[in-house]
């Protein structure tokens, strides 16, 4: 499995908060997403309104809040 990364090269993991752009005609904006599932081709999760969203264009995604990684030392 390829590890999906955002626009800045950071790894996208379940539990992260990301933003992604949207466009409807001439209107544009950014949406926030709480990631619940990550695959090679897409990430999916829930928007702040509770809607399930799947984002496939990962080159335009940016991680804004990352889950802490397990850095336990043996």
C-alpha atoms as a PDB file:
ATOM      1  CA  UNK A   1       0.000   0.000   0.000  1.00  0.00           C
ATOM      2  CA  UNK A   2       1.308   3.420  -0.955  1.00  0.00           C
ATOM      3  CA  UNK A   3       1.216   5.904   1.889  1.00  0.00           C
ATOM      4  CA  UNK A   4      -0.944   8.840   0.739  1.00  0.00           C
ATOM      5  CA  UNK A   5       0.532  12.292   1.295  1.00  0.00           C
ATOM      6  CA  UNK A   6      -0.862  15.802   1.120  1.00  0.00           C
ATOM      7  CA  UNK A   7       0.273  18.752  -1.005  1.00  0.00           C
ATOM      8  CA  UNK A   8       3.161  19.446   1.405  1.00  0.00           C
ATOM      9  CA  UNK A   9       4.322  15.819   1.541  1.00  0.00           C
ATOM     10  CA  UNK A  10       2.893  14.998   4.984  1.00  0.00           C
ATOM     11  CA  UNK A  11       1.363  11.561   5.514  1.00  0.00           C
ATOM     12  CA  UNK A  12      -2.430  11.438   5.742  1.00  0.00           C
ATOM     13  CA  UNK A  13      -3.738   9.130   8.481  1.00  0.00           C
ATOM     14  CA  UNK A  14      -7.118   8.295   9.970  1.00  0.00           C
ATOM     15  CA  UNK A  15      -7.939  10.858  12.647  1.00  0.00           C
ATOM     16  CA  UNK A  16      -6.296  13.771  10.801  1.00  0.00           C
ATOM     17  CA  UNK A  17      -8.151  16.954   9.921  1.00  0.00           C
ATOM     18  CA  UNK A  18      -7.650  18.072   6.326  1.00  0.00           C
ATOM     19  CA  UNK A  19      -8.877  20.816   4.032  1.00  0.00           C
ATOM     20  CA  UNK A  20      -9.589  20.435   0.330  1.00  0.00           C
ATOM     21  CA  UNK A  21     -10.770  22.866  -2.358  1.00  0.00           C
ATOM     22  CA  UNK A  22     -14.171  22.829  -4.046  1.00  0.00           C
ATOM     23  CA  UNK A  23     -15.547  24.592  -7.082  1.00  0.00           C
ATOM     24  CA  UNK A  24     -19.124  25.087  -8.286  1.00  0.00           C
ATOM     25  CA  UNK A  25     -19.083  27.154 -11.482  1.00  0.00           C
ATOM     26  CA  UNK A  26     -17.261  30.360 -10.622  1.00  0.00           C
ATOM     27  CA  UNK A  27     -17.620  29.861  -6.852  1.00  0.00           C
ATOM     28  CA  UNK A  28     -14.646  28.362  -5.003  1.00  0.00           C
ATOM     29  CA  UNK A  29     -13.846  27.596  -1.391  1.00  0.00           C
ATOM     30  CA  UNK A  30     -12.258  25.198   1.078  1.00  0.00           C
ATOM     31  CA  UNK A  31     -13.938  22.406   3.050  1.00  0.00           C
ATOM     32  CA  UNK A  32     -12.712  20.752   6.225  1.00  0.00           C
ATOM     33  CA  UNK A  33     -12.811  16.968   6.658  1.00  0.00           C
ATOM     34  CA  UNK A  34     -12.161  14.651   9.609  1.00  0.00           C
ATOM     35  CA  UNK A  35     -10.491  11.606   8.050  1.00  0.00           C
ATOM     36  CA  UNK A  36     -11.854   8.191   9.038  1.00  0.00           C
ATOM     37  CA  UNK A  37     -10.495   5.979   6.239  1.00  0.00           C
ATOM     38  CA  UNK A  38      -7.379   6.183   4.068  1.00  0.00           C
ATOM     39  CA  UNK A  39      -6.683   4.149   0.909  1.00  0.00           C
ATOM     40  CA  UNK A  40      -4.104   4.428  -1.871  1.00  0.00           C
ATOM     41  CA  UNK A  41      -6.487   6.407  -4.092  1.00  0.00           C
ATOM     42  CA  UNK A  42      -8.676   8.394  -1.694  1.00  0.00           C
ATOM     43  CA  UNK A  43      -9.474   9.540   1.810  1.00  0.00           C
ATOM     44  CA  UNK A  44     -12.945   9.595   3.282  1.00  0.00           C
ATOM     45  CA  UNK A  45     -14.425  11.060   6.397  1.00  0.00           C
ATOM     46  CA  UNK A  46     -17.004  13.441   7.775  1.00  0.00           C
ATOM     47  CA  UNK A  47     -17.464  17.147   7.188  1.00  0.00           C
ATOM     48  CA  UNK A  48     -18.342  19.421  10.146  1.00  0.00           C
ATOM     49  CA  UNK A  49     -22.013  19.119   9.131  1.00  0.00           C
ATOM     50  CA  UNK A  50     -21.823  15.317   9.480  1.00  0.00           C
ATOM     51  CA  UNK A  51     -21.859  14.519   5.774  1.00  0.00           C
ATOM     52  CA  UNK A  52     -19.759  11.570   4.527  1.00  0.00           C
ATOM     53  CA  UNK A  53     -17.232  12.780   1.931  1.00  0.00           C
ATOM     54  CA  UNK A  54     -14.692  10.964  -0.276  1.00  0.00           C
ATOM     55  CA  UNK A  55     -11.759  12.967  -1.677  1.00  0.00           C
ATOM     56  CA  UNK A  56      -9.868  11.391  -4.583  1.00  0.00           C
ATOM     57  CA  UNK A  57      -7.653  14.304  -5.693  1.00  0.00           C
ATOM     58  CA  UNK A  58      -5.046  14.019  -2.931  1.00  0.00           C
ATOM     59  CA  UNK A  59      -2.578  16.421  -4.551  1.00  0.00           C
ATOM     60  CA  UNK A  60      -4.838  19.330  -3.474  1.00  0.00           C
ATOM     61  CA  UNK A  61      -5.362  18.183   0.136  1.00  0.00           C
ATOM     62  CA  UNK A  62      -3.534  19.758   3.107  1.00  0.00           C
ATOM     63  CA  UNK A  63      -3.329  18.260   6.611  1.00  0.00           C
ATOM     64  CA  UNK A  64      -4.193  20.964   9.173  1.00  0.00           C
ATOM     65  CA  UNK A  65      -4.277  18.829  12.309  1.00  0.00           C
ATOM     66  CA  UNK A  66      -2.453  15.532  12.596  1.00  0.00           C
ATOM     67  CA  UNK A  67      -2.989  12.706  15.039  1.00  0.00           C
ATOM     68  CA  UNK A  68       0.026  12.028  17.223  1.00  0.00           C
ATOM     69  CA  UNK A  69       2.137   9.094  16.107  1.00  0.00           C
ATOM     70  CA  UNK A  70       3.142   6.301  18.434  1.00  0.00           C
ATOM     71  CA  UNK A  71       6.690   7.237  19.447  1.00  0.00           C
ATOM     72  CA  UNK A  72       7.115   4.798  22.307  1.00  0.00           C
ATOM     73  CA  UNK A  73      10.736   3.859  22.781  1.00  0.00           C
ATOM     74  CA  UNK A  74      11.785   0.394  23.794  1.00  0.00           C
END
